[in-house]
Amino acid sequence: MTRVSDHEREATTRRLQEAYAEGRLALDEMNERLEWALTARTHADLAPALADLPAPAQPEQLEIRTTNGRIKRSGLWRVPPRLRIVSEYAKVLLDLRHAQIDHDLVSIDLSLTYGSATLIVPRPCTADADAVHAEWGSVTLKTSSLRTPASPHIQVSGTLNYGHLRIRHR
């Protein structure tokens, strides 16, 4: 069992408040679920708070841009069908193990000049990096690239001029 972070609790409370504002929850039910969310220790404790609520609207493509620093997504987050990461010097970590993946195919496009990226995918997800061009960097794939109908497939494309890309299970 994985413990939830404060960020995950806050995201859950925001979604509960949105559901209340949409008229999906009565006030007493929202308060009860807020208590569940705020006292949750594990993902299993947190899941019932949102179990019967529809997912919020998700953009078809999400683009994250930065010049330098770090781009990190981990814990409970919703993965869009297309994700684009653009940076000159950033270090990128996309941890999909606890993410909600609603699509059979997720396309991740990387445009990193000097930065490196690590993708941690859950089992039994498959992934490929066939469309990644690494000029002076490297691409390491430690997952199956054979797409199966029963699990999501992560397709990575883009350019890494001087960086490295690692895709693996943990």
C-alpha atoms as a PDB file:
ATOM      1  CA  MET A   1       0.000   0.000   0.000  1.00  0.00           C
ATOM      2  CA  THR A   2       1.303   3.394  -0.968  1.00  0.00           C
ATOM      3  CA  ARG A   3       0.749   6.366   1.307  1.00  0.00           C
ATOM      4  CA  VAL A   4      -0.947   9.457  -0.103  1.00  0.00           C
ATOM      5  CA  SER A   5       0.699  12.856  -0.135  1.00  0.00           C
ATOM      6  CA  ASP A   6      -0.726  16.168   1.015  1.00  0.00           C
ATOM      7  CA  HIS A   7      -0.919  17.190  -2.649  1.00  0.00           C
ATOM      8  CA  GLU A   8      -3.104  14.164  -3.437  1.00  0.00           C
ATOM      9  CA  ARG A   9      -5.402  14.931  -0.493  1.00  0.00           C
ATOM     10  CA  GLU A  10      -5.708  18.560  -1.670  1.00  0.00           C
ATOM     11  CA  ALA A  11      -6.489  17.486  -5.249  1.00  0.00           C
ATOM     12  CA  THR A  12      -9.206  15.174  -3.941  1.00  0.00           C
ATOM     13  CA  THR A  13     -10.766  17.907  -1.795  1.00  0.00           C
ATOM     14  CA  ARG A  14     -10.760  20.268  -4.800  1.00  0.00           C
ATOM     15  CA  ARG A  15     -12.554  17.651  -6.905  1.00  0.00           C
ATOM     16  CA  LEU A  16     -15.126  17.091  -4.141  1.00  0.00           C
ATOM     17  CA  GLN A  17     -15.769  20.839  -3.948  1.00  0.00           C
ATOM     18  CA  GLU A  18     -16.185  20.958  -7.744  1.00  0.00           C
ATOM     19  CA  ALA A  19     -18.651  18.040  -7.581  1.00  0.00           C
ATOM     20  CA  TYR A  20     -20.627  19.879  -4.899  1.00  0.00           C
ATOM     21  CA  ALA A  21     -20.673  23.050  -7.035  1.00  0.00           C
ATOM     22  CA  GLU A  22     -21.891  20.964 -10.017  1.00  0.00           C
ATOM     23  CA  GLY A  23     -24.771  19.660  -7.874  1.00  0.00           C
ATOM     24  CA  ARG A  24     -23.483  16.085  -7.798  1.00  0.00           C
ATOM     25  CA  LEU A  25     -23.138  15.944  -3.990  1.00  0.00           C
ATOM     26  CA  ALA A  26     -25.328  17.171  -1.151  1.00  0.00           C
ATOM     27  CA  LEU A  27     -23.603  19.247   1.528  1.00  0.00           C
ATOM     28  CA  ASP A  28     -23.627  16.498   4.171  1.00  0.00           C
ATOM     29  CA  GLU A  29     -22.257  13.938   1.680  1.00  0.00           C
ATOM     30  CA  MET A  30     -19.501  16.344   0.592  1.00  0.00           C
ATOM     31  CA  ASN A  31     -18.531  16.944   4.234  1.00  0.00           C
ATOM     32  CA  GLU A  32     -18.378  13.202   4.891  1.00  0.00           C
ATOM     33  CA  ARG A  33     -16.189  12.625   1.839  1.00  0.00           C
ATOM     34  CA  LEU A  34     -13.959  15.570   2.738  1.00  0.00           C
ATOM     35  CA  GLU A  35     -13.317  13.916   6.085  1.00  0.00           C
ATOM     36  CA  TRP A  36     -12.395  10.667   4.305  1.00  0.00           C
ATOM     37  CA  ALA A  37     -10.033  12.543   1.999  1.00  0.00           C
ATOM     38  CA  LEU A  38      -8.350  14.559   4.739  1.00  0.00           C
ATOM     39  CA  THR A  39      -7.788  11.534   6.978  1.00  0.00           C
ATOM     40  CA  ALA A  40      -6.740   9.093   4.219  1.00  0.00           C
ATOM     41  CA  ARG A  41      -3.374   7.436   4.718  1.00  0.00           C
ATOM     42  CA  THR A  42      -3.254   5.212   1.646  1.00  0.00           C
ATOM     43  CA  HIS A  43      -4.590   5.341  -1.894  1.00  0.00           C
ATOM     44  CA  ALA A  44      -7.101   2.647  -0.894  1.00  0.00           C
ATOM     45  CA  ASP A  45      -8.413   4.992   1.844  1.00  0.00           C
ATOM     46  CA  LEU A  46      -8.639   7.887  -0.612  1.00  0.00           C
ATOM     47  CA  ALA A  47     -10.347   6.081  -3.506  1.00  0.00           C
ATOM     48  CA  PRO A  48     -13.899   5.869  -2.027  1.00  0.00           C
ATOM     49  CA  ALA A  49     -14.113   9.657  -1.755  1.00  0.00           C
ATOM     50  CA  LEU A  50     -14.197   9.959  -5.576  1.00  0.00           C
ATOM     51  CA  ALA A  51     -15.377   6.468  -6.550  1.00  0.00           C
ATOM     52  CA  ASP A  52     -18.767   7.353  -8.070  1.00  0.00           C
ATOM     53  CA  LEU A  53     -17.909  10.825  -9.386  1.00  0.00           C
ATOM     54  CA  PRO A  54     -17.122  11.420 -13.064  1.00  0.00           C
ATOM     55  CA  ALA A  55     -13.655  12.606 -13.899  1.00  0.00           C
ATOM     56  CA  PRO A  56     -13.350  16.338 -14.478  1.00  0.00           C
ATOM     57  CA  ALA A  57     -13.058  17.495 -18.073  1.00  0.00           C
ATOM     58  CA  GLN A  58      -9.588  16.796 -19.369  1.00  0.00           C
ATOM     59  CA  PRO A  59      -7.901  18.684 -22.204  1.00  0.00           C
ATOM     60  CA  GLU A  60      -6.974  16.530 -25.184  1.00  0.00           C
ATOM     61  CA  GLN A  61      -3.411  17.825 -25.025  1.00  0.00           C
ATOM     62  CA  LEU A  62      -1.431  19.248 -22.152  1.00  0.00           C
ATOM     63  CA  GLU A  63       1.766  21.199 -22.747  1.00  0.00           C
ATOM     64  CA  ILE A  64       4.280  21.869 -19.982  1.00  0.00           C
ATOM     65  CA  ARG A  65       7.007  24.426 -20.716  1.00  0.00           C
ATOM     66  CA  THR A  66       9.957  25.597 -18.685  1.00  0.00           C
ATOM     67  CA  THR A  67      13.395  26.963 -19.391  1.00  0.00           C
ATOM     68  CA  ASN A  68      15.220  25.140 -16.616  1.00  0.00           C
ATOM     69  CA  GLY A  69      14.583  23.500 -13.294  1.00  0.00           C
ATOM     70  CA  ARG A  70      12.519  20.378 -12.800  1.00  0.00           C
ATOM     71  CA  ILE A  71       9.250  19.022 -14.177  1.00  0.00           C
ATOM     72  CA  LYS A  72       7.777  16.328 -11.966  1.00  0.00           C
ATOM     73  CA  ARG A  73       4.436  14.543 -12.038  1.00  0.00           C
ATOM     74  CA  SER A  74       3.864  11.719  -9.559  1.00  0.00           C
ATOM     75  CA  GLY A  75       1.233  10.314  -7.260  1.00  0.00           C
ATOM     76  CA  LEU A  76      -2.428  10.588  -8.172  1.00  0.00           C
ATOM     77  CA  TRP A  77      -2.805  12.585 -11.412  1.00  0.00           C
ATOM     78  CA  ARG A  78      -4.758  12.208 -14.626  1.00  0.00           C
ATOM     79  CA  VAL A  79      -2.715  11.559 -17.749  1.00  0.00           C
ATOM     80  CA  PRO A  80      -4.073  13.279 -20.886  1.00  0.00           C
ATOM     81  CA  PRO A  81      -4.071  11.413 -24.203  1.00  0.00           C
ATOM     82  CA  ARG A  82      -1.333  13.751 -25.494  1.00  0.00           C
ATOM     83  CA  LEU A  83       1.347  15.341 -23.322  1.00  0.00           C
ATOM     84  CA  ARG A  84       4.036  17.684 -24.637  1.00  0.00           C
ATOM     85  CA  ILE A  85       7.087  18.628 -22.551  1.00  0.00           C
ATOM     86  CA  VAL A  86       9.255  21.516 -23.797  1.00  0.00           C
ATOM     87  CA  SER A  87      12.413  22.697 -22.024  1.00  0.00           C
ATOM     88  CA  GLU A  88      15.998  23.718 -22.562  1.00  0.00           C
ATOM     89  CA  TYR A  89      17.616  22.544 -19.308  1.00  0.00           C
ATOM     90  CA  ALA A  90      14.937  20.829 -17.201  1.00  0.00           C
ATOM     91  CA  LYS A  91      15.091  17.424 -15.594  1.00  0.00           C
ATOM     92  CA  VAL A  92      11.783  15.624 -16.206  1.00  0.00           C
ATOM     93  CA  LEU A  93      10.244  12.876 -14.069  1.00  0.00           C
ATOM     94  CA  LEU A  94       6.870  11.426 -15.076  1.00  0.00           C
ATOM     95  CA  ASP A  95       5.808   8.714 -12.628  1.00  0.00           C
ATOM     96  CA  LEU A  96       2.696   7.001 -14.000  1.00  0.00           C
ATOM     97  CA  ARG A  97       2.448   4.220 -11.385  1.00  0.00           C
ATOM     98  CA  HIS A  98      -0.431   5.838  -9.476  1.00  0.00           C
ATOM     99  CA  ALA A  99      -1.706   8.043 -12.285  1.00  0.00           C
ATOM    100  CA  GLN A 100      -5.127   7.630 -13.805  1.00  0.00           C
ATOM    101  CA  ILE A 101      -4.713   6.569 -17.425  1.00  0.00           C
ATOM    102  CA  ASP A 102      -8.078   6.623 -19.209  1.00  0.00           C
ATOM    103  CA  HIS A 103      -6.796   6.018 -22.747  1.00  0.00           C
ATOM    104  CA  ASP A 104      -5.464   2.968 -24.564  1.00  0.00           C
ATOM    105  CA  LEU A 105      -2.726   5.090 -26.111  1.00  0.00           C
ATOM    106  CA  VAL A 106      -0.886   7.983 -24.461  1.00  0.00           C
ATOM    107  CA  SER A 107       1.427  10.052 -26.661  1.00  0.00           C
ATOM    108  CA  ILE A 108       4.237  11.930 -24.942  1.00  0.00           C
ATOM    109  CA  ASP A 109       6.239  14.365 -27.061  1.00  0.00           C
ATOM    110  CA  LEU A 110       9.557  15.564 -25.614  1.00  0.00           C
ATOM    111  CA  SER A 111      11.503  18.579 -26.789  1.00  0.00           C
ATOM    112  CA  LEU A 112      14.541  18.768 -24.500  1.00  0.00           C
ATOM    113  CA  THR A 113      17.686  20.605 -25.489  1.00  0.00           C
ATOM    114  CA  TYR A 114      19.986  19.722 -22.556  1.00  0.00           C
ATOM    115  CA  GLY A 115      17.552  18.078 -20.146  1.00  0.00           C
ATOM    116  CA  SER A 116      16.921  14.443 -19.375  1.00  0.00           C
ATOM    117  CA  ALA A 117      13.674  12.579 -18.803  1.00  0.00           C
ATOM    118  CA  THR A 118      12.661   9.526 -16.787  1.00  0.00           C
ATOM    119  CA  LEU A 119       9.292   7.825 -17.274  1.00  0.00           C
ATOM    120  CA  ILE A 120       8.211   5.234 -14.745  1.00  0.00           C
ATOM    121  CA  VAL A 121       5.308   3.225 -16.114  1.00  0.00           C
ATOM    122  CA  PRO A 122       3.078   0.833 -14.162  1.00  0.00           C
ATOM    123  CA  ARG A 123       2.914  -2.845 -14.913  1.00  0.00           C
ATOM    124  CA  PRO A 124       1.461  -4.064 -17.261  1.00  0.00           C
ATOM    125  CA  CYS A 125       1.748  -0.868 -19.370  1.00  0.00           C
ATOM    126  CA  THR A 126       3.887  -1.100 -22.450  1.00  0.00           C
ATOM    127  CA  ALA A 127       5.943   1.697 -23.973  1.00  0.00           C
ATOM    128  CA  ASP A 128       8.025   2.545 -26.998  1.00  0.00           C
ATOM    129  CA  ALA A 129      10.439   5.307 -27.879  1.00  0.00           C
ATOM    130  CA  ASP A 130      10.833   4.512 -31.564  1.00  0.00           C
ATOM    131  CA  ALA A 131      10.049   8.102 -32.576  1.00  0.00           C
ATOM    132  CA  VAL A 132      12.633   9.728 -30.263  1.00  0.00           C
ATOM    133  CA  HIS A 133      15.649  11.350 -31.869  1.00  0.00           C
ATOM    134  CA  ALA A 134      18.624  11.638 -29.501  1.00  0.00           C
ATOM    135  CA  GLU A 135      21.472  13.543 -31.152  1.00  0.00           C
ATOM    136  CA  TRP A 136      24.150  13.299 -28.424  1.00  0.00           C
ATOM    137  CA  GLY A 137      22.080  11.628 -25.745  1.00  0.00           C
ATOM    138  CA  SER A 138      20.718   8.159 -25.240  1.00  0.00           C
ATOM    139  CA  VAL A 139      17.414   6.325 -24.991  1.00  0.00           C
ATOM    140  CA  THR A 140      17.021   3.404 -22.566  1.00  0.00           C
ATOM    141  CA  LEU A 141      13.829   1.341 -22.683  1.00  0.00           C
ATOM    142  CA  LYS A 142      13.396  -1.259 -19.923  1.00  0.00           C
ATOM    143  CA  THR A 143       9.743  -2.146 -20.597  1.00  0.00           C
ATOM    144  CA  SER A 144       8.013  -4.265 -23.171  1.00  0.00           C
ATOM    145  CA  SER A 145       7.350  -2.379 -26.381  1.00  0.00           C
ATOM    146  CA  LEU A 146       4.862  -4.967 -27.666  1.00  0.00           C
ATOM    147  CA  ARG A 147       1.464  -3.367 -27.356  1.00  0.00           C
ATOM    148  CA  THR A 148      -1.209  -5.496 -25.693  1.00  0.00           C
ATOM    149  CA  PRO A 149      -4.964  -4.851 -25.919  1.00  0.00           C
ATOM    150  CA  ALA A 150      -5.494  -5.212 -22.151  1.00  0.00           C
ATOM    151  CA  SER A 151      -3.274  -2.352 -20.979  1.00  0.00           C
ATOM    152  CA  PRO A 152      -2.363   1.215 -21.933  1.00  0.00           C
ATOM    153  CA  HIS A 153       0.548   1.899 -24.257  1.00  0.00           C
ATOM    154  CA  ILE A 154       2.852   4.888 -23.803  1.00  0.00           C
ATOM    155  CA  GLN A 155       4.281   6.178 -27.081  1.00  0.00           C
ATOM    156  CA  VAL A 156       7.178   8.622 -26.669  1.00  0.00           C
ATOM    157  CA  SER A 157       8.410  10.851 -29.490  1.00  0.00           C
ATOM    158  CA  GLY A 158      10.463  14.016 -29.861  1.00  0.00           C
ATOM    159  CA  THR A 159      14.046  15.209 -29.650  1.00  0.00           C
ATOM    160  CA  LEU A 160      16.732  15.114 -27.008  1.00  0.00           C
ATOM    161  CA  ASN A 161      19.717  17.048 -28.238  1.00  0.00           C
ATOM    162  CA  TYR A 162      22.103  16.319 -25.347  1.00  0.00           C
ATOM    163  CA  GLY A 163      19.869  14.586 -22.808  1.00  0.00           C
ATOM    164  CA  HIS A 164      18.927  11.070 -21.881  1.00  0.00           C
ATOM    165  CA  LEU A 165      15.578   9.296 -21.823  1.00  0.00           C
ATOM    166  CA  ARG A 166      14.891   6.358 -19.519  1.00  0.00           C
ATOM    167  CA  ILE A 167      11.614   4.430 -19.584  1.00  0.00           C
ATOM    168  CA  ARG A 168      11.196   1.705 -16.990  1.00  0.00           C
ATOM    169  CA  HIS A 169       9.012  -0.098 -14.485  1.00  0.00           C
ATOM    170  CA  ARG A 170       9.779   0.200 -10.816  1.00  0.00           C
END
